[in-house]
Each structure stands twice: as structure tokens, then as C-alpha cells.
Amino acid sequence: MAVNKKDQNNKDSRNLGDSLLDSWTNSLNTIHASQKEVENVSIQAIGYQREVWEKLTEDFTRIEQEQKKLVEELRIVGKKNIQTLYGEEAGETFDKWNEHFDEVSLRVQQLTVAPLKETFNLLNQSQDQLQDSIKKGITQQQSLRENFLNQLKSAQKGFVDLVESNTKLALSLYKI
């Protein structure tokens, strides 16, 4: 009868330990699931933001190219019209005027467009770095969670083993 009671006490201590561990594990799994959701939403948000910056950069580049094409077409048409109306010499004057216009346009681009392009490039690079940092942080968090859970399981097992050995010791003292 004493042996049966001893086995029952060991089972109870194991059940208590398993119950505590299961409770902790379920709580950690719930926290892990919510953190995983936050991680996924964060990565998606960064991805969407990255897409927006890329689209904005592409659109800006496309607008710039279309503007250059339009200016070139206007020059050709304008030169033809000027040469038709006023002769070849007026066409040469028009070309010289366009050279001056190109110089002014280049300076304006250097003052306005070039910094804007560089800003877009920096923003895209920042997005990449932010995304990499977030992914690294997520990986570190996952590793920490796994290590914590393993340590918790190990400590819980140690606790259960300690309870079992103390129970056995206590029961052996009362043996007749």
C-alpha cells in the first residue's frame, strides 16, 4: 500500500510539473503567435512602403525622360518652322539659343532634380536597411524565444526531478 501511495505521489508531482509546463508553454505560444503577427504586419508594411518609393522613383524617371523627349520634339518642330519662315540663318540662331537654354536647364537640374533623385535613392537604401534590420531583429527574437522556452523546460524538469527526489526521501523516512 505504501508503494502504491508513493507511485501516486510521483505521478501527482509529474502531473503538476507537466501542467505547469503546459500552462507556461501555452502562454508563450500565445505571445509568440501575436509577436509573429506583428512581425508579419511590420514586414508587409515595410514592403508596401518600399514598393511606393520604387514606383515614385520609376514615375519620376519616366516623367523626366518624357519631358526630354517632348523638349527635343519641340526643338525639331520649332527649328523647322523657323527655318521655313525666316531662313537657314534663323535656324542657326535658334540652335544657339537652345544651347544656352540647355546650359540653364542643366544648372536647374543640378539644383533641383539631382538632389531629388539622390533623396529617392537614399530613401530606397534606407528602406532596404530598415527591412534588413527588422528581419534580423525578428530572427533574434525567435532565437531568444526558443532559448527561453528550452531553459524553461529544463528548469521545469529540474523542479519536477527535485520534487520527486524530495518526495522519495520523505517517504523513505516514514517507512517502517
C-alpha atoms as a PDB file:
ATOM      1  CA  MET A   1       0.000   0.000   0.000  1.00  0.00           C
ATOM      2  CA  ALA A   2       2.895   2.380   0.814  1.00  0.00           C
ATOM      3  CA  VAL A   3       4.495   1.675  -2.529  1.00  0.00           C
ATOM      4  CA  ASN A   4       1.234   2.392  -4.317  1.00  0.00           C
ATOM      5  CA  LYS A   5       0.877   5.706  -2.457  1.00  0.00           C
ATOM      6  CA  LYS A   6       4.486   6.555  -3.328  1.00  0.00           C
ATOM      7  CA  ASP A   7       3.832   5.908  -7.038  1.00  0.00           C
ATOM      8  CA  GLN A   8       0.689   8.039  -6.821  1.00  0.00           C
ATOM      9  CA  ASN A   9       2.689  10.928  -5.277  1.00  0.00           C
ATOM     10  CA  ASN A  10       5.292  10.673  -8.051  1.00  0.00           C
ATOM     11  CA  LYS A  11       2.543  10.729 -10.682  1.00  0.00           C
ATOM     12  CA  ASP A  12       0.914  13.721  -8.996  1.00  0.00           C
ATOM     13  CA  SER A  13       4.176  15.653  -8.906  1.00  0.00           C
ATOM     14  CA  ARG A  14       4.799  14.802 -12.575  1.00  0.00           C
ATOM     15  CA  ASN A  15       1.260  15.854 -13.486  1.00  0.00           C
ATOM     16  CA  LEU A  16       1.694  19.092 -11.586  1.00  0.00           C
ATOM     17  CA  GLY A  17       5.009  19.742 -13.321  1.00  0.00           C
ATOM     18  CA  ASP A  18       3.593  18.847 -16.714  1.00  0.00           C
ATOM     19  CA  SER A  19       0.558  21.010 -16.050  1.00  0.00           C
ATOM     20  CA  LEU A  20       2.727  23.982 -15.098  1.00  0.00           C
ATOM     21  CA  LEU A  21       4.940  23.464 -18.128  1.00  0.00           C
ATOM     22  CA  ASP A  22       1.926  23.149 -20.433  1.00  0.00           C
ATOM     23  CA  SER A  23       0.430  26.314 -18.978  1.00  0.00           C
ATOM     24  CA  TRP A  24       3.684  28.228 -19.495  1.00  0.00           C
ATOM     25  CA  THR A  25       4.131  26.768 -22.969  1.00  0.00           C
ATOM     26  CA  ASN A  26       0.568  27.715 -23.977  1.00  0.00           C
ATOM     27  CA  SER A  27       1.078  31.248 -22.682  1.00  0.00           C
ATOM     28  CA  LEU A  28       4.383  31.552 -24.527  1.00  0.00           C
ATOM     29  CA  ASN A  29       2.804  30.140 -27.694  1.00  0.00           C
ATOM     30  CA  THR A  30       0.047  32.738 -27.489  1.00  0.00           C
ATOM     31  CA  ILE A  31       2.595  35.524 -27.040  1.00  0.00           C
ATOM     32  CA  HIS A  32       4.698  34.027 -29.838  1.00  0.00           C
ATOM     33  CA  ALA A  33       1.682  33.944 -32.184  1.00  0.00           C
ATOM     34  CA  SER A  34       0.851  37.599 -31.506  1.00  0.00           C
ATOM     35  CA  GLN A  35       4.505  38.605 -31.950  1.00  0.00           C
ATOM     36  CA  LYS A  36       4.633  36.638 -35.198  1.00  0.00           C
ATOM     37  CA  GLU A  37       1.572  38.526 -36.433  1.00  0.00           C
ATOM     38  CA  VAL A  38       3.184  41.863 -35.540  1.00  0.00           C
ATOM     39  CA  GLU A  39       6.375  40.749 -37.301  1.00  0.00           C
ATOM     40  CA  ASN A  40       4.457  39.810 -40.453  1.00  0.00           C
ATOM     41  CA  VAL A  41       2.499  43.070 -40.465  1.00  0.00           C
ATOM     42  CA  SER A  42       5.712  45.054 -39.962  1.00  0.00           C
ATOM     43  CA  ILE A  43       7.461  43.290 -42.824  1.00  0.00           C
ATOM     44  CA  GLN A  44       4.422  43.795 -45.073  1.00  0.00           C
ATOM     45  CA  ALA A  45       4.245  47.496 -44.198  1.00  0.00           C
ATOM     46  CA  ILE A  46       7.922  47.956 -44.984  1.00  0.00           C
ATOM     47  CA  GLY A  47       7.439  46.042 -48.233  1.00  0.00           C
ATOM     48  CA  TYR A  48       4.497  48.224 -49.252  1.00  0.00           C
ATOM     49  CA  GLN A  49       6.405  51.362 -48.362  1.00  0.00           C
ATOM     50  CA  ARG A  50       9.359  50.118 -50.409  1.00  0.00           C
ATOM     51  CA  GLU A  51       7.055  49.487 -53.381  1.00  0.00           C
ATOM     52  CA  VAL A  52       5.662  53.015 -53.117  1.00  0.00           C
ATOM     53  CA  TRP A  53       9.154  54.563 -53.128  1.00  0.00           C
ATOM     54  CA  GLU A  54      10.209  52.400 -56.069  1.00  0.00           C
ATOM     55  CA  LYS A  55       7.068  53.344 -58.004  1.00  0.00           C
ATOM     56  CA  LEU A  56       7.605  57.007 -57.202  1.00  0.00           C
ATOM     57  CA  THR A  57      11.224  56.791 -58.374  1.00  0.00           C
ATOM     58  CA  GLU A  58      10.212  54.991 -61.574  1.00  0.00           C
ATOM     59  CA  ASP A  59       7.449  57.522 -62.273  1.00  0.00           C
ATOM     60  CA  PHE A  60       9.802  60.420 -61.686  1.00  0.00           C
ATOM     61  CA  THR A  61      12.385  58.916 -64.059  1.00  0.00           C
ATOM     62  CA  ARG A  62       9.697  58.228 -66.683  1.00  0.00           C
ATOM     63  CA  ILE A  63       8.396  61.804 -66.431  1.00  0.00           C
ATOM     64  CA  GLU A  64      11.922  63.145 -66.809  1.00  0.00           C
ATOM     65  CA  GLN A  65      12.503  61.010 -69.924  1.00  0.00           C
ATOM     66  CA  GLU A  66       9.178  62.028 -71.447  1.00  0.00           C
ATOM     67  CA  GLN A  67       9.953  65.662 -70.731  1.00  0.00           C
ATOM     68  CA  LYS A  68      13.329  65.379 -72.513  1.00  0.00           C
ATOM     69  CA  LYS A  69      11.654  63.663 -75.461  1.00  0.00           C
ATOM     70  CA  LEU A  70       8.970  66.356 -75.656  1.00  0.00           C
ATOM     71  CA  VAL A  71      11.560  69.159 -75.499  1.00  0.00           C
ATOM     72  CA  GLU A  72      13.560  67.507 -78.280  1.00  0.00           C
ATOM     73  CA  GLU A  73      10.435  67.115 -80.446  1.00  0.00           C
ATOM     74  CA  LEU A  74       9.515  70.767 -79.826  1.00  0.00           C
ATOM     75  CA  ARG A  75      13.018  71.834 -80.839  1.00  0.00           C
ATOM     76  CA  ILE A  76      12.868  69.906 -84.089  1.00  0.00           C
ATOM     77  CA  VAL A  77       9.414  71.238 -84.977  1.00  0.00           C
ATOM     78  CA  GLY A  78      10.338  74.766 -83.858  1.00  0.00           C
ATOM     79  CA  LYS A  79      13.568  74.767 -85.871  1.00  0.00           C
ATOM     80  CA  LYS A  80      11.757  73.542 -88.999  1.00  0.00           C
ATOM     81  CA  ASN A  81       9.088  76.207 -88.634  1.00  0.00           C
ATOM     82  CA  ILE A  82      11.646  78.959 -88.001  1.00  0.00           C
ATOM     83  CA  GLN A  83      13.772  77.853 -90.973  1.00  0.00           C
ATOM     84  CA  THR A  84      10.688  77.690 -93.186  1.00  0.00           C
ATOM     85  CA  LEU A  85       9.530  81.169 -92.207  1.00  0.00           C
ATOM     86  CA  TYR A  86      12.813  83.039 -91.674  1.00  0.00           C
ATOM     87  CA  GLY A  87      15.500  81.005 -93.420  1.00  0.00           C
ATOM     88  CA  GLU A  88      18.555  78.954 -92.536  1.00  0.00           C
ATOM     89  CA  GLU A  89      20.270  81.703 -90.543  1.00  0.00           C
ATOM     90  CA  ALA A  90      17.311  81.962 -88.149  1.00  0.00           C
ATOM     91  CA  GLY A  91      17.562  78.174 -87.629  1.00  0.00           C
ATOM     92  CA  GLU A  92      21.215  78.551 -86.565  1.00  0.00           C
ATOM     93  CA  THR A  93      20.249  81.311 -84.144  1.00  0.00           C
ATOM     94  CA  PHE A  94      17.569  79.030 -82.768  1.00  0.00           C
ATOM     95  CA  ASP A  95      20.236  76.299 -82.227  1.00  0.00           C
ATOM     96  CA  LYS A  96      22.460  78.766 -80.325  1.00  0.00           C
ATOM     97  CA  TRP A  97      19.525  79.843 -78.203  1.00  0.00           C
ATOM     98  CA  ASN A  98      18.829  76.162 -77.435  1.00  0.00           C
ATOM     99  CA  GLU A  99      22.463  75.657 -76.356  1.00  0.00           C
ATOM    100  CA  HIS A 100      22.050  78.484 -73.838  1.00  0.00           C
ATOM    101  CA  PHE A 101      18.745  77.042 -72.781  1.00  0.00           C
ATOM    102  CA  ASP A 102      20.447  73.636 -72.265  1.00  0.00           C
ATOM    103  CA  GLU A 103      23.084  75.236 -70.028  1.00  0.00           C
ATOM    104  CA  VAL A 104      20.422  76.918 -67.908  1.00  0.00           C
ATOM    105  CA  SER A 105      18.350  73.750 -67.860  1.00  0.00           C
ATOM    106  CA  LEU A 106      21.355  71.689 -66.744  1.00  0.00           C
ATOM    107  CA  ARG A 107      22.030  74.086 -63.878  1.00  0.00           C
ATOM    108  CA  VAL A 108      18.396  73.996 -62.821  1.00  0.00           C
ATOM    109  CA  GLN A 109      18.519  70.202 -62.881  1.00  0.00           C
ATOM    110  CA  GLN A 110      21.668  70.201 -60.790  1.00  0.00           C
ATOM    111  CA  LEU A 111      19.963  72.442 -58.249  1.00  0.00           C
ATOM    112  CA  THR A 112      16.572  70.760 -58.157  1.00  0.00           C
ATOM    113  CA  VAL A 113      16.295  67.412 -59.875  1.00  0.00           C
ATOM    114  CA  ALA A 114      19.636  65.861 -58.892  1.00  0.00           C
ATOM    115  CA  PRO A 115      19.051  66.331 -55.125  1.00  0.00           C
ATOM    116  CA  LEU A 116      15.541  64.935 -55.523  1.00  0.00           C
ATOM    117  CA  LYS A 117      16.873  61.848 -57.309  1.00  0.00           C
ATOM    118  CA  GLU A 118      19.526  61.399 -54.639  1.00  0.00           C
ATOM    119  CA  THR A 119      16.842  61.721 -51.969  1.00  0.00           C
ATOM    120  CA  PHE A 120      14.848  58.952 -53.652  1.00  0.00           C
ATOM    121  CA  ASN A 121      17.960  56.774 -53.809  1.00  0.00           C
ATOM    122  CA  LEU A 122      18.715  57.396 -50.135  1.00  0.00           C
ATOM    123  CA  LEU A 123      15.123  56.637 -49.176  1.00  0.00           C
ATOM    124  CA  ASN A 124      15.247  53.371 -51.117  1.00  0.00           C
ATOM    125  CA  GLN A 125      18.525  52.432 -49.439  1.00  0.00           C
ATOM    126  CA  SER A 126      17.099  53.352 -46.039  1.00  0.00           C
ATOM    127  CA  GLN A 127      14.083  51.154 -46.722  1.00  0.00           C
ATOM    128  CA  ASP A 128      16.383  48.248 -47.573  1.00  0.00           C
ATOM    129  CA  GLN A 129      18.410  48.763 -44.407  1.00  0.00           C
ATOM    130  CA  LEU A 130      15.282  49.095 -42.283  1.00  0.00           C
ATOM    131  CA  GLN A 131      13.838  45.922 -43.749  1.00  0.00           C
ATOM    132  CA  ASP A 132      17.099  44.054 -43.135  1.00  0.00           C
ATOM    133  CA  SER A 133      17.244  45.346 -39.557  1.00  0.00           C
ATOM    134  CA  ILE A 134      13.673  44.292 -38.881  1.00  0.00           C
ATOM    135  CA  LYS A 135      14.307  40.829 -40.307  1.00  0.00           C
ATOM    136  CA  LYS A 136      17.451  40.460 -38.177  1.00  0.00           C
ATOM    137  CA  GLY A 137      15.546  41.625 -35.113  1.00  0.00           C
ATOM    138  CA  ILE A 138      12.801  39.110 -35.807  1.00  0.00           C
ATOM    139  CA  THR A 139      15.349  36.327 -36.179  1.00  0.00           C
ATOM    140  CA  GLN A 140      16.974  37.328 -32.874  1.00  0.00           C
ATOM    141  CA  GLN A 141      13.594  37.435 -31.133  1.00  0.00           C
ATOM    142  CA  GLN A 142      12.737  33.977 -32.431  1.00  0.00           C
ATOM    143  CA  SER A 143      16.058  32.640 -31.212  1.00  0.00           C
ATOM    144  CA  LEU A 144      15.560  34.249 -27.789  1.00  0.00           C
ATOM    145  CA  ARG A 145      12.058  32.787 -27.516  1.00  0.00           C
ATOM    146  CA  GLU A 146      13.316  29.326 -28.393  1.00  0.00           C
ATOM    147  CA  ASN A 147      16.202  29.592 -25.910  1.00  0.00           C
ATOM    148  CA  PHE A 148      13.862  30.850 -23.200  1.00  0.00           C
ATOM    149  CA  LEU A 149      11.428  28.012 -23.803  1.00  0.00           C
ATOM    150  CA  ASN A 150      14.255  25.457 -23.697  1.00  0.00           C
ATOM    151  CA  GLN A 151      15.569  26.963 -20.454  1.00  0.00           C
ATOM    152  CA  LEU A 152      12.067  26.955 -19.031  1.00  0.00           C
ATOM    153  CA  LYS A 153      11.600  23.293 -19.943  1.00  0.00           C
ATOM    154  CA  SER A 154      14.977  22.428 -18.422  1.00  0.00           C
ATOM    155  CA  ALA A 155      14.197  24.336 -15.208  1.00  0.00           C
ATOM    156  CA  GLN A 156      10.757  22.770 -15.026  1.00  0.00           C
ATOM    157  CA  LYS A 157      12.250  19.292 -15.448  1.00  0.00           C
ATOM    158  CA  GLY A 158      14.787  20.096 -12.727  1.00  0.00           C
ATOM    159  CA  PHE A 159      11.966  21.240 -10.462  1.00  0.00           C
ATOM    160  CA  VAL A 160       9.937  18.092 -11.111  1.00  0.00           C
ATOM    161  CA  ASP A 161      13.012  15.912 -10.524  1.00  0.00           C
ATOM    162  CA  LEU A 162      13.692  17.778  -7.272  1.00  0.00           C
ATOM    163  CA  VAL A 163      10.096  17.315  -6.095  1.00  0.00           C
ATOM    164  CA  GLU A 164      10.259  13.627  -6.982  1.00  0.00           C
ATOM    165  CA  SER A 165      13.543  13.069  -5.152  1.00  0.00           C
ATOM    166  CA  ASN A 166      12.328  15.013  -2.087  1.00  0.00           C
ATOM    167  CA  THR A 167       9.100  13.051  -2.117  1.00  0.00           C
ATOM    168  CA  LYS A 168      11.017   9.769  -2.288  1.00  0.00           C
ATOM    169  CA  LEU A 169      13.314  10.916   0.518  1.00  0.00           C
ATOM    170  CA  ALA A 170      10.395  11.988   2.685  1.00  0.00           C
ATOM    171  CA  LEU A 171       8.558   8.715   2.072  1.00  0.00           C
ATOM    172  CA  SER A 172      11.684   6.684   2.836  1.00  0.00           C
ATOM    173  CA  LEU A 173      11.989   8.430   6.221  1.00  0.00           C
ATOM    174  CA  TYR A 174       8.489   7.279   7.182  1.00  0.00           C
ATOM    175  CA  LYS A 175       8.995   3.672   6.074  1.00  0.00           C
ATOM    176  CA  ILE A 176       8.538   1.165   8.735  1.00  0.00           C
END
